[in-house]
């Protein structure tokens, strides 16, 4: 299964509470944290909701 590397680059301060919860569910609750996740529709949907706060790229194996 493909993997995605997600890194938080902006703070959720002043954003809606849902966006903060999405970051936490992605494993990103502080600045510059990275997490590698499986690429599936649920994760892609969460990334699209907070794409202004994160950077993401596909991980090559």
N, C-alpha and C. Protein backbone atom coordinates (compact mmCIF):
# COMPACT_ATOMS: atom_id res chain seq x y z
N UNK A 1 0.84 -1.18 0.00
CA UNK A 1 0.00 0.00 0.00
C UNK A 1 0.89 1.25 0.00
N UNK A 2 0.47 2.27 -0.69
CA UNK A 2 1.24 3.51 -0.80
C UNK A 2 1.20 4.27 0.53
N UNK A 3 2.24 5.05 0.75
CA UNK A 3 2.36 5.83 1.98
C UNK A 3 2.43 7.32 1.63
N UNK A 4 1.97 8.15 2.57
CA UNK A 4 2.02 9.61 2.43
C UNK A 4 2.73 10.18 3.65
N UNK A 5 3.68 11.07 3.41
CA UNK A 5 4.34 11.80 4.51
C UNK A 5 3.65 13.14 4.65
N UNK A 6 3.16 13.42 5.86
CA UNK A 6 2.44 14.66 6.13
C UNK A 6 3.22 15.44 7.19
N UNK A 7 3.41 16.74 6.96
CA UNK A 7 4.13 17.60 7.90
C UNK A 7 3.30 18.85 8.16
N UNK A 8 3.12 19.18 9.43
CA UNK A 8 2.38 20.39 9.79
C UNK A 8 3.31 21.58 9.66
N UNK A 9 2.89 22.60 8.89
CA UNK A 9 3.73 23.77 8.67
C UNK A 9 3.11 25.06 9.20
N UNK A 10 1.83 25.03 9.56
CA UNK A 10 1.18 26.21 10.13
C UNK A 10 0.40 25.82 11.37
N UNK A 11 0.15 26.80 12.21
CA UNK A 11 -0.53 26.58 13.47
C UNK A 11 -2.05 26.59 13.28
N UNK A 12 -2.77 25.78 14.07
CA UNK A 12 -4.23 25.80 14.00
C UNK A 12 -4.86 26.89 14.88
N UNK A 13 -4.06 27.76 15.46
CA UNK A 13 -4.61 28.82 16.30
C UNK A 13 -5.49 29.73 15.46
N UNK A 14 -6.69 29.98 15.93
CA UNK A 14 -7.64 30.83 15.23
C UNK A 14 -8.45 30.09 14.18
N UNK A 15 -8.24 28.79 14.05
CA UNK A 15 -8.99 27.99 13.08
C UNK A 15 -10.16 27.32 13.78
N UNK A 16 -11.03 26.72 13.00
CA UNK A 16 -12.17 26.00 13.56
C UNK A 16 -11.68 24.78 14.34
N UNK A 17 -12.46 24.40 15.35
CA UNK A 17 -12.09 23.27 16.19
C UNK A 17 -11.99 21.96 15.42
N UNK A 18 -12.77 21.83 14.35
CA UNK A 18 -12.73 20.62 13.54
C UNK A 18 -11.35 20.45 12.91
N UNK A 19 -10.76 21.55 12.44
CA UNK A 19 -9.44 21.46 11.82
C UNK A 19 -8.39 21.05 12.84
N UNK A 20 -8.49 21.51 14.05
CA UNK A 20 -7.55 21.10 15.11
C UNK A 20 -7.69 19.61 15.39
N UNK A 21 -8.93 19.12 15.43
CA UNK A 21 -9.15 17.70 15.67
C UNK A 21 -8.63 16.84 14.53
N UNK A 22 -8.75 17.33 13.30
CA UNK A 22 -8.23 16.60 12.15
C UNK A 22 -6.71 16.49 12.24
N UNK A 23 -6.04 17.57 12.62
CA UNK A 23 -4.59 17.52 12.78
C UNK A 23 -4.18 16.50 13.83
N UNK A 24 -4.91 16.46 14.93
CA UNK A 24 -4.60 15.50 15.99
C UNK A 24 -4.81 14.08 15.49
N UNK A 25 -5.87 13.86 14.72
CA UNK A 25 -6.12 12.51 14.22
C UNK A 25 -5.09 12.09 13.19
N UNK A 26 -4.46 13.04 12.52
CA UNK A 26 -3.36 12.74 11.60
C UNK A 26 -2.04 12.54 12.34
N UNK A 27 -2.03 12.79 13.65
CA UNK A 27 -0.81 12.64 14.44
C UNK A 27 0.04 13.90 14.44
N UNK A 28 -0.57 15.04 14.13
CA UNK A 28 0.16 16.30 14.03
C UNK A 28 -0.47 17.31 14.99
N UNK A 29 0.06 17.43 16.18
CA UNK A 29 -0.51 18.40 17.11
C UNK A 29 0.45 19.52 17.48
N UNK A 30 1.64 19.52 16.89
CA UNK A 30 2.59 20.61 17.10
C UNK A 30 3.27 20.93 15.78
N UNK A 31 3.83 22.12 15.70
CA UNK A 31 4.49 22.57 14.47
C UNK A 31 5.66 21.66 14.11
N UNK A 32 5.87 21.49 12.82
CA UNK A 32 6.97 20.73 12.23
C UNK A 32 6.98 19.25 12.58
N UNK A 33 5.88 18.72 13.05
CA UNK A 33 5.79 17.28 13.27
C UNK A 33 5.49 16.60 11.95
N UNK A 34 6.03 15.42 11.76
CA UNK A 34 5.79 14.63 10.56
C UNK A 34 5.20 13.29 10.95
N UNK A 35 4.41 12.74 10.03
CA UNK A 35 3.86 11.41 10.24
C UNK A 35 3.72 10.75 8.88
N UNK A 36 3.97 9.46 8.83
CA UNK A 36 3.81 8.69 7.60
C UNK A 36 2.57 7.83 7.75
N UNK A 37 1.62 8.00 6.83
CA UNK A 37 0.33 7.33 6.91
C UNK A 37 0.07 6.53 5.65
N UNK A 38 -0.80 5.52 5.77
CA UNK A 38 -1.25 4.77 4.59
C UNK A 38 -2.14 5.67 3.75
N UNK A 39 -2.01 5.54 2.44
CA UNK A 39 -2.84 6.33 1.54
C UNK A 39 -4.17 5.61 1.35
N UNK A 40 -5.23 6.19 1.91
CA UNK A 40 -6.58 5.66 1.72
C UNK A 40 -7.54 6.84 1.66
N UNK A 41 -8.77 6.62 1.23
CA UNK A 41 -9.71 7.75 1.05
C UNK A 41 -9.95 8.57 2.32
N UNK A 42 -9.94 7.94 3.48
CA UNK A 42 -10.17 8.67 4.72
C UNK A 42 -9.04 9.66 5.01
N UNK A 43 -7.81 9.20 4.85
CA UNK A 43 -6.65 10.06 5.11
C UNK A 43 -6.58 11.18 4.08
N UNK A 44 -6.82 10.86 2.83
CA UNK A 44 -6.79 11.88 1.78
C UNK A 44 -7.86 12.95 2.03
N UNK A 45 -9.03 12.54 2.49
CA UNK A 45 -10.09 13.50 2.82
C UNK A 45 -9.69 14.41 3.96
N UNK A 46 -9.04 13.85 4.99
CA UNK A 46 -8.59 14.68 6.12
C UNK A 46 -7.52 15.67 5.67
N UNK A 47 -6.60 15.22 4.83
CA UNK A 47 -5.55 16.11 4.34
C UNK A 47 -6.15 17.25 3.53
N UNK A 48 -7.17 16.95 2.72
CA UNK A 48 -7.81 18.00 1.92
C UNK A 48 -8.50 19.04 2.78
N UNK A 49 -8.98 18.66 3.96
CA UNK A 49 -9.64 19.61 4.86
C UNK A 49 -8.64 20.58 5.51
N UNK A 50 -7.39 20.15 5.66
CA UNK A 50 -6.39 21.01 6.33
C UNK A 50 -5.18 21.24 5.42
N UNK A 51 -5.38 21.23 4.12
CA UNK A 51 -4.24 21.35 3.19
C UNK A 51 -3.54 22.69 3.30
N UNK A 52 -4.18 23.71 3.87
CA UNK A 52 -3.54 25.01 4.06
C UNK A 52 -2.63 25.02 5.29
N UNK A 53 -2.68 23.97 6.10
CA UNK A 53 -1.86 23.88 7.31
C UNK A 53 -0.74 22.84 7.20
N UNK A 54 -0.77 22.01 6.17
CA UNK A 54 0.19 20.91 6.07
C UNK A 54 0.85 20.87 4.69
N UNK A 55 1.98 20.15 4.62
CA UNK A 55 2.61 19.78 3.36
C UNK A 55 2.58 18.26 3.32
N UNK A 56 2.41 17.71 2.12
CA UNK A 56 2.37 16.25 2.02
C UNK A 56 3.02 15.81 0.73
N UNK A 57 3.54 14.60 0.76
CA UNK A 57 4.18 14.01 -0.42
C UNK A 57 4.07 12.50 -0.33
N UNK A 58 4.11 11.85 -1.47
CA UNK A 58 4.11 10.38 -1.48
C UNK A 58 5.51 9.89 -1.16
N UNK A 59 5.57 8.82 -0.40
CA UNK A 59 6.84 8.24 0.00
C UNK A 59 7.17 7.10 -0.96
N UNK A 60 8.39 7.13 -1.49
CA UNK A 60 8.86 6.09 -2.39
C UNK A 60 9.46 4.96 -1.57
N UNK A 61 9.18 3.74 -1.97
CA UNK A 61 9.79 2.60 -1.30
C UNK A 61 10.91 2.04 -2.11
